[in-house]
PDB file of N, CA and C in Angstrom:
ATOM      1  N   MET A   1    -119.359 -44.382 -16.510  1.00  0.00           N
ATOM      2  CA  MET A   1    -118.277 -44.357 -17.589  1.00  0.00           C
ATOM      3  C   MET A   1    -118.415 -45.488 -18.616  1.00  0.00           C
ATOM      4  N   GLY A   2    -118.334 -45.131 -19.778  1.00  0.00           N
ATOM      5  CA  GLY A   2    -118.450 -46.023 -20.865  1.00  0.00           C
ATOM      6  C   GLY A   2    -117.030 -46.637 -21.128  1.00  0.00           C
ATOM      7  N   SER A   3    -117.197 -47.724 -21.739  1.00  0.00           N
ATOM      8  CA  SER A   3    -115.875 -48.395 -22.028  1.00  0.00           C
ATOM      9  C   SER A   3    -115.608 -48.311 -23.652  1.00  0.00           C
ATOM     10  N   ASN A   4    -115.288 -47.106 -23.986  1.00  0.00           N
ATOM     11  CA  ASN A   4    -114.985 -46.823 -25.449  1.00  0.00           C
ATOM     12  C   ASN A   4    -113.479 -47.165 -25.724  1.00  0.00           C
ATOM     13  N   PRO A   5    -113.106 -48.187 -26.286  1.00  0.00           N
ATOM     14  CA  PRO A   5    -111.655 -48.599 -26.549  1.00  0.00           C
ATOM     15  C   PRO A   5    -110.904 -47.536 -27.362  1.00  0.00           C
ATOM     16  N   THR A   6    -111.589 -46.869 -28.327  1.00  0.00           N
ATOM     17  CA  THR A   6    -110.938 -45.853 -29.058  1.00  0.00           C
ATOM     18  C   THR A   6    -110.525 -44.698 -28.176  1.00  0.00           C
ATOM     19  N   ALA A   7    -111.466 -44.224 -27.266  1.00  0.00           N
ATOM     20  CA  ALA A   7    -111.127 -42.964 -26.348  1.00  0.00           C
ATOM     21  C   ALA A   7    -110.018 -43.388 -25.489  1.00  0.00           C
ATOM     22  N   ARG A   8    -110.042 -44.646 -24.870  1.00  0.00           N
ATOM     23  CA  ARG A   8    -108.987 -45.028 -23.940  1.00  0.00           C
ATOM     24  C   ARG A   8    -107.562 -45.140 -24.673  1.00  0.00           C
ATOM     25  N   ALA A   9    -107.631 -45.621 -25.975  1.00  0.00           N
ATOM     26  CA  ALA A   9    -106.351 -45.638 -26.724  1.00  0.00           C
ATOM     27  C   ALA A   9    -105.838 -44.196 -26.967  1.00  0.00           C
ATOM     28  N   GLU A  10    -106.655 -43.330 -27.317  1.00  0.00           N
ATOM     29  CA  GLU A  10    -106.293 -42.010 -27.574  1.00  0.00           C
ATOM     30  C   GLU A  10    -105.662 -41.252 -26.257  1.00  0.00           C
ATOM     31  N   LYS A  11    -106.437 -41.567 -25.216  1.00  0.00           N
ATOM     32  CA  LYS A  11    -105.971 -41.011 -23.909  1.00  0.00           C
ATOM     33  C   LYS A  11    -104.535 -41.562 -23.634  1.00  0.00           C
ATOM     34  N   LYS A  12    -104.432 -42.821 -23.758  1.00  0.00           N
ATOM     35  CA  LYS A  12    -103.143 -43.579 -23.532  1.00  0.00           C
ATOM     36  C   LYS A  12    -101.950 -42.991 -24.409  1.00  0.00           C
ATOM     37  N   GLN A  13    -102.296 -42.673 -25.680  1.00  0.00           N
ATOM     38  CA  GLN A  13    -101.357 -42.070 -26.603  1.00  0.00           C
ATOM     39  C   GLN A  13    -100.916 -40.737 -26.074  1.00  0.00           C
ATOM     40  N   LYS A  14    -101.864 -39.905 -25.647  1.00  0.00           N
ATOM     41  CA  LYS A  14    -101.506 -38.675 -25.141  1.00  0.00           C
ATOM     42  C   LYS A  14    -100.583 -38.706 -23.962  1.00  0.00           C
ATOM     43  N   VAL A  15    -100.941 -39.588 -23.001  1.00  0.00           N
ATOM     44  CA  VAL A  15    -100.031 -39.728 -21.849  1.00  0.00           C
ATOM     45  C   VAL A  15     -98.659 -40.153 -22.213  1.00  0.00           C
ATOM     46  N   LEU A  16     -98.598 -41.101 -23.164  1.00  0.00           N
ATOM     47  CA  LEU A  16     -97.253 -41.565 -23.722  1.00  0.00           C
ATOM     48  C   LEU A  16     -96.533 -40.407 -24.340  1.00  0.00           C
ATOM     49  N   LYS A  17     -97.196 -39.553 -25.032  1.00  0.00           N
ATOM     50  CA  LYS A  17     -96.452 -38.481 -25.697  1.00  0.00           C
ATOM     51  C   LYS A  17     -96.005 -37.434 -24.656  1.00  0.00           C
ATOM     52  N   ILE A  18     -96.699 -37.189 -23.563  1.00  0.00           N
ATOM     53  CA  ILE A  18     -96.330 -36.320 -22.516  1.00  0.00           C
ATOM     54  C   ILE A  18     -94.979 -36.975 -21.844  1.00  0.00           C
ATOM     55  N   LYS A  19     -95.084 -38.275 -21.488  1.00  0.00           N
ATOM     56  CA  LYS A  19     -93.964 -38.866 -20.841  1.00  0.00           C
ATOM     57  C   LYS A  19     -92.732 -38.810 -21.813  1.00  0.00           C
ATOM     58  N   ALA A  20     -92.923 -38.957 -23.041  1.00  0.00           N
ATOM     59  CA  ALA A  20     -91.810 -38.936 -24.063  1.00  0.00           C
ATOM     60  C   ALA A  20     -91.185 -37.565 -24.021  1.00  0.00           C
ATOM     61  N   TYR A  21     -92.119 -36.526 -23.949  1.00  0.00           N
ATOM     62  CA  TYR A  21     -91.624 -35.052 -24.084  1.00  0.00           C
ATOM     63  C   TYR A  21     -90.721 -34.828 -22.813  1.00  0.00           C
ATOM     64  N   PHE A  22     -91.153 -35.209 -21.622  1.00  0.00           N
ATOM     65  CA  PHE A  22     -90.317 -35.021 -20.446  1.00  0.00           C
ATOM     66  C   PHE A  22     -89.090 -35.778 -20.381  1.00  0.00           C
ATOM     67  N   ARG A  23     -89.112 -37.123 -20.924  1.00  0.00           N
ATOM     68  CA  ARG A  23     -87.918 -37.863 -21.099  1.00  0.00           C
ATOM     69  C   ARG A  23     -86.882 -37.210 -22.013  1.00  0.00           C
ATOM     70  N   GLU A  24     -87.395 -36.762 -23.181  1.00  0.00           N
ATOM     71  CA  GLU A  24     -86.506 -36.167 -24.116  1.00  0.00           C
ATOM     72  C   GLU A  24     -86.022 -34.768 -23.676  1.00  0.00           C
ATOM     73  N   THR A  25     -86.746 -33.978 -22.792  1.00  0.00           N
ATOM     74  CA  THR A  25     -86.302 -32.772 -22.284  1.00  0.00           C
ATOM     75  C   THR A  25     -85.211 -33.032 -21.297  1.00  0.00           C
ATOM     76  N   TYR A  26     -85.418 -33.975 -20.397  1.00  0.00           N
ATOM     77  CA  TYR A  26     -84.370 -34.344 -19.456  1.00  0.00           C
ATOM     78  C   TYR A  26     -83.102 -34.830 -20.062  1.00  0.00           C
ATOM     79  N   ASP A  27     -83.198 -35.574 -21.162  1.00  0.00           N
ATOM     80  CA  ASP A  27     -81.996 -35.973 -21.846  1.00  0.00           C
ATOM     81  C   ASP A  27     -81.269 -34.846 -22.504  1.00  0.00           C
ATOM     82  N   GLU A  28     -82.016 -33.918 -23.159  1.00  0.00           N
ATOM     83  CA  GLU A  28     -81.509 -32.743 -23.689  1.00  0.00           C
ATOM     84  C   GLU A  28     -80.757 -31.892 -22.683  1.00  0.00           C
ATOM     85  N   MET A  29     -81.336 -31.566 -21.586  1.00  0.00           N
ATOM     86  CA  MET A  29     -80.702 -30.811 -20.549  1.00  0.00           C
ATOM     87  C   MET A  29     -79.504 -31.418 -19.994  1.00  0.00           C
ATOM     88  N   LEU A  30     -79.525 -32.683 -19.757  1.00  0.00           N
ATOM     89  CA  LEU A  30     -78.493 -33.375 -19.146  1.00  0.00           C
ATOM     90  C   LEU A  30     -77.242 -33.696 -20.194  1.00  0.00           C
ATOM     91  N   ASN A  31     -77.566 -33.895 -21.405  1.00  0.00           N
ATOM     92  CA  ASN A  31     -76.437 -34.448 -22.214  1.00  0.00           C
ATOM     93  C   ASN A  31     -76.125 -33.503 -23.339  1.00  0.00           C
ATOM     94  N   HIS A  32     -76.921 -32.622 -23.739  1.00  0.00           N
ATOM     95  CA  HIS A  32     -76.647 -31.799 -24.941  1.00  0.00           C
ATOM     96  C   HIS A  32     -76.583 -30.357 -24.733  1.00  0.00           C
ATOM     97  N   VAL A  33     -76.848 -29.909 -23.499  1.00  0.00           N
ATOM     98  CA  VAL A  33     -76.677 -28.409 -23.124  1.00  0.00           C
ATOM     99  C   VAL A  33     -75.214 -28.199 -22.565  1.00  0.00           C
ATOM    100  N   THR A  34     -74.637 -27.221 -23.116  1.00  0.00           N
ATOM    101  CA  THR A  34     -73.358 -26.867 -22.508  1.00  0.00           C
ATOM    102  C   THR A  34     -73.531 -25.779 -21.326  1.00  0.00           C
ATOM    103  N   TRP A  35     -73.337 -26.192 -20.247  1.00  0.00           N
ATOM    104  CA  TRP A  35     -73.534 -25.395 -19.025  1.00  0.00           C
ATOM    105  C   TRP A  35     -72.169 -24.542 -18.674  1.00  0.00           C
ATOM    106  N   PRO A  36     -72.332 -23.390 -18.261  1.00  0.00           N
ATOM    107  CA  PRO A  36     -71.178 -22.613 -17.873  1.00  0.00           C
ATOM    108  C   PRO A  36     -70.479 -23.045 -16.690  1.00  0.00           C
ATOM    109  N   THR A  37     -69.237 -22.851 -16.624  1.00  0.00           N
ATOM    110  CA  THR A  37     -68.476 -23.275 -15.321  1.00  0.00           C
ATOM    111  C   THR A  37     -68.820 -22.315 -14.313  1.00  0.00           C
ATOM    112  N   TRP A  38     -68.455 -22.681 -13.046  1.00  0.00           N
ATOM    113  CA  TRP A  38     -68.745 -21.789 -11.852  1.00  0.00           C
ATOM    114  C   TRP A  38     -68.082 -20.390 -12.074  1.00  0.00           C
ATOM    115  N   LYS A  39     -66.830 -20.487 -12.551  1.00  0.00           N
ATOM    116  CA  LYS A  39     -66.069 -19.181 -12.677  1.00  0.00           C
ATOM    117  C   LYS A  39     -66.744 -18.319 -13.808  1.00  0.00           C
ATOM    118  N   GLU A  40     -67.165 -18.871 -14.880  1.00  0.00           N
ATOM    119  CA  GLU A  40     -67.843 -18.113 -15.958  1.00  0.00           C
ATOM    120  C   GLU A  40     -69.120 -17.546 -15.424  1.00  0.00           C
ATOM    121  N   LEU A  41     -69.892 -18.322 -14.680  1.00  0.00           N
ATOM    122  CA  LEU A  41     -71.147 -17.750 -14.083  1.00  0.00           C
ATOM    123  C   LEU A  41     -70.891 -16.718 -13.072  1.00  0.00           C
ATOM    124  N   GLN A  42     -69.858 -16.683 -12.237  1.00  0.00           N
ATOM    125  CA  GLN A  42     -69.549 -15.609 -11.359  1.00  0.00           C
ATOM    126  C   GLN A  42     -69.105 -14.405 -12.186  1.00  0.00           C
ATOM    127  N   ASN A  43     -68.365 -14.543 -13.193  1.00  0.00           N
ATOM    128  CA  ASN A  43     -67.857 -13.416 -14.018  1.00  0.00           C
ATOM    129  C   ASN A  43     -69.066 -12.781 -14.735  1.00  0.00           C
ATOM    130  N   ASN A  44     -69.892 -13.592 -15.258  1.00  0.00           N
ATOM    131  CA  ASN A  44     -71.096 -12.984 -15.960  1.00  0.00           C
ATOM    132  C   ASN A  44     -72.025 -12.318 -14.998  1.00  0.00           C
ATOM    133  N   THR A  45     -72.170 -12.900 -13.744  1.00  0.00           N
ATOM    134  CA  THR A  45     -73.045 -12.218 -12.793  1.00  0.00           C
ATOM    135  C   THR A  45     -72.490 -10.887 -12.413  1.00  0.00           C
ATOM    136  N   ILE A  46     -71.179 -10.760 -12.186  1.00  0.00           N
ATOM    137  CA  ILE A  46     -70.480  -9.517 -11.874  1.00  0.00           C
ATOM    138  C   ILE A  46     -70.666  -8.480 -13.010  1.00  0.00           C
ATOM    139  N   LEU A  47     -70.574  -8.944 -14.172  1.00  0.00           N
ATOM    140  CA  LEU A  47     -70.738  -8.035 -15.402  1.00  0.00           C
ATOM    141  C   LEU A  47     -72.165  -7.554 -15.413  1.00  0.00           C
ATOM    142  N   VAL A  48     -73.218  -8.303 -15.256  1.00  0.00           N
ATOM    143  CA  VAL A  48     -74.546  -7.983 -15.225  1.00  0.00           C
ATOM    144  C   VAL A  48     -74.837  -6.924 -14.061  1.00  0.00           C
ATOM    145  N   VAL A  49     -74.336  -7.207 -12.904  1.00  0.00           N
ATOM    146  CA  VAL A  49     -74.565  -6.289 -11.834  1.00  0.00           C
ATOM    147  C   VAL A  49     -73.855  -4.864 -11.989  1.00  0.00           C
ATOM    148  N   VAL A  50     -72.636  -4.952 -12.490  1.00  0.00           N
ATOM    149  CA  VAL A  50     -71.996  -3.612 -12.782  1.00  0.00           C
ATOM    150  C   VAL A  50     -72.644  -2.857 -13.867  1.00  0.00           C
ATOM    151  N   SER A  51     -73.187  -3.631 -14.947  1.00  0.00           N
ATOM    152  CA  SER A  51     -73.788  -2.981 -16.055  1.00  0.00           C
ATOM    153  C   SER A  51     -75.168  -2.394 -15.597  1.00  0.00           C
ATOM    154  N   SER A  52     -75.882  -3.030 -14.728  1.00  0.00           N
ATOM    155  CA  SER A  52     -77.085  -2.679 -14.267  1.00  0.00           C
ATOM    156  C   SER A  52     -76.869  -1.296 -13.366  1.00  0.00           C
ATOM    157  N   ILE A  53     -75.880  -1.285 -12.563  1.00  0.00           N
ATOM    158  CA  ILE A  53     -75.580  -0.079 -11.794  1.00  0.00           C
ATOM    159  C   ILE A  53     -75.190   1.058 -12.680  1.00  0.00           C
ATOM    160  N   LEU A  54     -74.378   0.829 -13.628  1.00  0.00           N
ATOM    161  CA  LEU A  54     -73.937   1.946 -14.606  1.00  0.00           C
ATOM    162  C   LEU A  54     -75.105   2.518 -15.292  1.00  0.00           C
ATOM    163  N   ILE A  55     -76.065   1.591 -15.796  1.00  0.00           N
ATOM    164  CA  ILE A  55     -77.195   2.066 -16.518  1.00  0.00           C
ATOM    165  C   ILE A  55     -78.285   2.827 -15.625  1.00  0.00           C
ATOM    166  N   SER A  56     -78.417   2.370 -14.439  1.00  0.00           N
ATOM    167  CA  SER A  56     -79.296   3.062 -13.518  1.00  0.00           C
ATOM    168  C   SER A  56     -78.739   4.402 -13.097  1.00  0.00           C
ATOM    169  N   VAL A  57     -77.386   4.464 -12.875  1.00  0.00           N
ATOM    170  CA  VAL A  57     -76.845   5.812 -12.552  1.00  0.00           C
ATOM    171  C   VAL A  57     -76.953   6.758 -13.790  1.00  0.00           C
ATOM    172  N   THR A  58     -76.750   6.252 -15.024  1.00  0.00           N
ATOM    173  CA  THR A  58     -76.899   7.195 -16.255  1.00  0.00           C
ATOM    174  C   THR A  58     -78.403   7.627 -16.347  1.00  0.00           C
ATOM    175  N   ILE A  59     -79.300   6.602 -16.073  1.00  0.00           N
ATOM    176  CA  ILE A  59     -80.751   7.215 -16.334  1.00  0.00           C
ATOM    177  C   ILE A  59     -81.058   8.052 -15.108  1.00  0.00           C
ATOM    178  N   PHE A  60     -80.588   7.933 -13.909  1.00  0.00           N
ATOM    179  CA  PHE A  60     -80.847   8.855 -12.767  1.00  0.00           C
ATOM    180  C   PHE A  60     -80.174  10.255 -13.107  1.00  0.00           C
ATOM    181  N   THR A  61     -78.923  10.263 -13.682  1.00  0.00           N
ATOM    182  CA  THR A  61     -78.289  11.454 -14.017  1.00  0.00           C
ATOM    183  C   THR A  61     -79.108  12.229 -15.063  1.00  0.00           C
ATOM    184  N   MET A  62     -79.569  11.434 -16.137  1.00  0.00           N
ATOM    185  CA  MET A  62     -80.280  12.112 -17.143  1.00  0.00           C
ATOM    186  C   MET A  62     -81.627  12.719 -16.620  1.00  0.00           C
ATOM    187  N   ASP A  63     -82.334  11.940 -15.675  1.00  0.00           N
ATOM    188  CA  ASP A  63     -83.555  12.393 -15.191  1.00  0.00           C
ATOM    189  C   ASP A  63     -83.399  13.524 -14.331  1.00  0.00           C
ATOM    190  N   TYR A  64     -82.182  13.650 -13.609  1.00  0.00           N
ATOM    191  CA  TYR A  64     -81.946  14.730 -12.742  1.00  0.00           C
ATOM    192  C   TYR A  64     -81.589  16.000 -13.502  1.00  0.00           C
ATOM    193  N   LEU A  65     -80.918  15.783 -14.585  1.00  0.00           N
ATOM    194  CA  LEU A  65     -80.526  16.973 -15.401  1.00  0.00           C
ATOM    195  C   LEU A  65     -81.668  17.576 -16.205  1.00  0.00           C
ATOM    196  N   PHE A  66     -82.512  16.584 -16.752  1.00  0.00           N
ATOM    197  CA  PHE A  66     -83.611  17.093 -17.623  1.00  0.00           C
ATOM    198  C   PHE A  66     -85.042  16.903 -17.089  1.00  0.00           C
ATOM    199  N   GLY A  67     -84.992  16.810 -15.780  1.00  0.00           N
ATOM    200  CA  GLY A  67     -86.333  16.429 -15.126  1.00  0.00           C
ATOM    201  C   GLY A  67     -87.223  17.655 -14.806  1.00  0.00           C
ATOM    202  N   ILE A  68     -87.677  18.351 -15.726  1.00  0.00           N
ATOM    203  CA  ILE A  68     -88.580  19.432 -15.547  1.00  0.00           C
ATOM    204  C   ILE A  68     -89.991  18.862 -15.488  1.00  0.00           C
ATOM    205  N   THR A  69     -90.672  18.999 -14.341  1.00  0.00           N
ATOM    206  CA  THR A  69     -92.038  18.433 -14.165  1.00  0.00           C
ATOM    207  C   THR A  69     -93.194  19.459 -14.539  1.00  0.00           C
ATOM    208  N   GLY A  70     -92.778  20.760 -14.531  1.00  0.00           N
ATOM    209  CA  GLY A  70     -93.852  21.682 -14.882  1.00  0.00           C
ATOM    210  C   GLY A  70     -94.587  22.253 -13.633  1.00  0.00           C
ATOM    211  N   GLU A  71     -94.346  21.670 -12.448  1.00  0.00           N
ATOM    212  CA  GLU A  71     -94.948  22.144 -11.219  1.00  0.00           C
ATOM    213  C   GLU A  71     -93.956  22.852 -10.388  1.00  0.00           C
ATOM    214  N   ASP A  72     -94.385  24.194 -10.001  1.00  0.00           N
ATOM    215  CA  ASP A  72     -93.394  24.882  -9.295  1.00  0.00           C
ATOM    216  C   ASP A  72     -93.057  24.486  -7.902  1.00  0.00           C
ATOM    217  N   ASP A  73     -94.123  23.860  -7.262  1.00  0.00           N
ATOM    218  CA  ASP A  73     -93.756  23.427  -5.945  1.00  0.00           C
ATOM    219  C   ASP A  73     -93.403  21.886  -5.852  1.00  0.00           C
ATOM    220  N   SER A  74     -93.079  21.274  -6.954  1.00  0.00           N
ATOM    221  CA  SER A  74     -92.725  19.918  -7.126  1.00  0.00           C
ATOM    222  C   SER A  74     -91.446  19.654  -6.337  1.00  0.00           C
ATOM    223  N   PHE A  75     -91.438  18.485  -5.591  1.00  0.00           N
ATOM    224  CA  PHE A  75     -90.220  18.120  -4.913  1.00  0.00           C
ATOM    225  C   PHE A  75     -89.084  17.819  -5.837  1.00  0.00           C
ATOM    226  N   TRP A  76     -89.422  17.137  -6.944  1.00  0.00           N
ATOM    227  CA  TRP A  76     -88.435  16.620  -7.885  1.00  0.00           C
ATOM    228  C   TRP A  76     -88.623  17.410  -9.132  1.00  0.00           C
ATOM    229  N   ARG A  77     -87.663  18.409  -9.349  1.00  0.00           N
ATOM    230  CA  ARG A  77     -87.706  19.124 -10.577  1.00  0.00           C
ATOM    231  C   ARG A  77     -86.512  18.973 -11.431  1.00  0.00           C
ATOM    232  N   GLY A  78     -85.473  18.415 -10.989  1.00  0.00           N
ATOM    233  CA  GLY A  78     -84.293  18.220 -11.710  1.00  0.00           C
ATOM    234  C   GLY A  78     -83.452  19.497 -11.644  1.00  0.00           C
ATOM    235  N   LEU A  79     -82.219  19.360 -12.169  1.00  0.00           N
ATOM    236  CA  LEU A  79     -81.292  20.648 -12.078  1.00  0.00           C
ATOM    237  C   LEU A  79     -81.764  21.649 -13.040  1.00  0.00           C
ATOM    238  N   LEU A  80     -82.247  21.273 -14.238  1.00  0.00           N
ATOM    239  CA  LEU A  80     -82.659  22.254 -15.253  1.00  0.00           C
ATOM    240  C   LEU A  80     -84.003  22.927 -14.765  1.00  0.00           C
ATOM    241  N   GLY A  81     -84.841  22.080 -14.069  1.00  0.00           N
ATOM    242  CA  GLY A  81     -86.110  22.656 -13.536  1.00  0.00           C
ATOM    243  C   GLY A  81     -85.870  23.480 -12.397  1.00  0.00           C
ATOM    244  N   PHE A  82     -84.812  23.254 -11.573  1.00  0.00           N
ATOM    245  CA  PHE A  82     -84.454  24.033 -10.454  1.00  0.00           C
ATOM    246  C   PHE A  82     -83.963  25.372 -11.050  1.00  0.00           C
ATOM    247  N   ILE A  83     -82.982  25.425 -11.962  1.00  0.00           N
ATOM    248  CA  ILE A  83     -82.505  26.608 -12.620  1.00  0.00           C
ATOM    249  C   ILE A  83     -83.629  27.445 -13.167  1.00  0.00           C
ATOM    250  N   TYR A  84     -84.497  26.760 -13.958  1.00  0.00           N
ATOM    251  CA  TYR A  84     -85.645  27.419 -14.572  1.00  0.00           C
ATOM    252  C   TYR A  84     -86.448  28.157 -13.625  1.00  0.00           C
ATOM    253  N   TYR A  85     -86.962  27.508 -12.524  1.00  0.00           N
ATOM    254  CA  TYR A  85     -87.724  28.128 -11.583  1.00  0.00           C
ATOM    255  C   TYR A  85     -87.107  29.201 -10.745  1.00  0.00           C
ATOM    256  N   LYS A  86     -85.784  29.120 -10.541  1.00  0.00           N
ATOM    257  CA  LYS A  86     -85.059  30.137  -9.763  1.00  0.00           C
ATOM    258  C   LYS A  86     -84.841  31.382 -10.659  1.00  0.00           C
ATOM    259  N   LEU A  87     -84.642  31.219 -11.963  1.00  0.00           N
ATOM    260  CA  LEU A  87     -84.316  32.316 -12.820  1.00  0.00           C
ATOM    261  C   LEU A  87     -85.523  33.058 -13.339  1.00  0.00           C
ATOM    262  N   PHE A  88     -86.601  32.246 -13.619  1.00  0.00           N
ATOM    263  CA  PHE A  88     -87.775  32.846 -14.232  1.00  0.00           C
ATOM    264  C   PHE A  88     -88.835  32.831 -13.270  1.00  0.00           C
TER     265      PHE A  88
END
């Protein structure tokens, strides 16, 4: 290993910049971020779960109604596929 003072100084500057970044990030998260209260967090979680269920039921219903696969012996044809293959 060589003893290049310029390389050591640059390496030390990089380490100091990384330390400063983590120090500033910690300070920002602790003192400047507005965190939700426990009740707000619970309400938002319930909202997300209910919305996810409603969207998944809507997509399932649309897939069931319009799910024509084109294969006569397919297990999943949807309601329109079932009607189409029974009538025609």
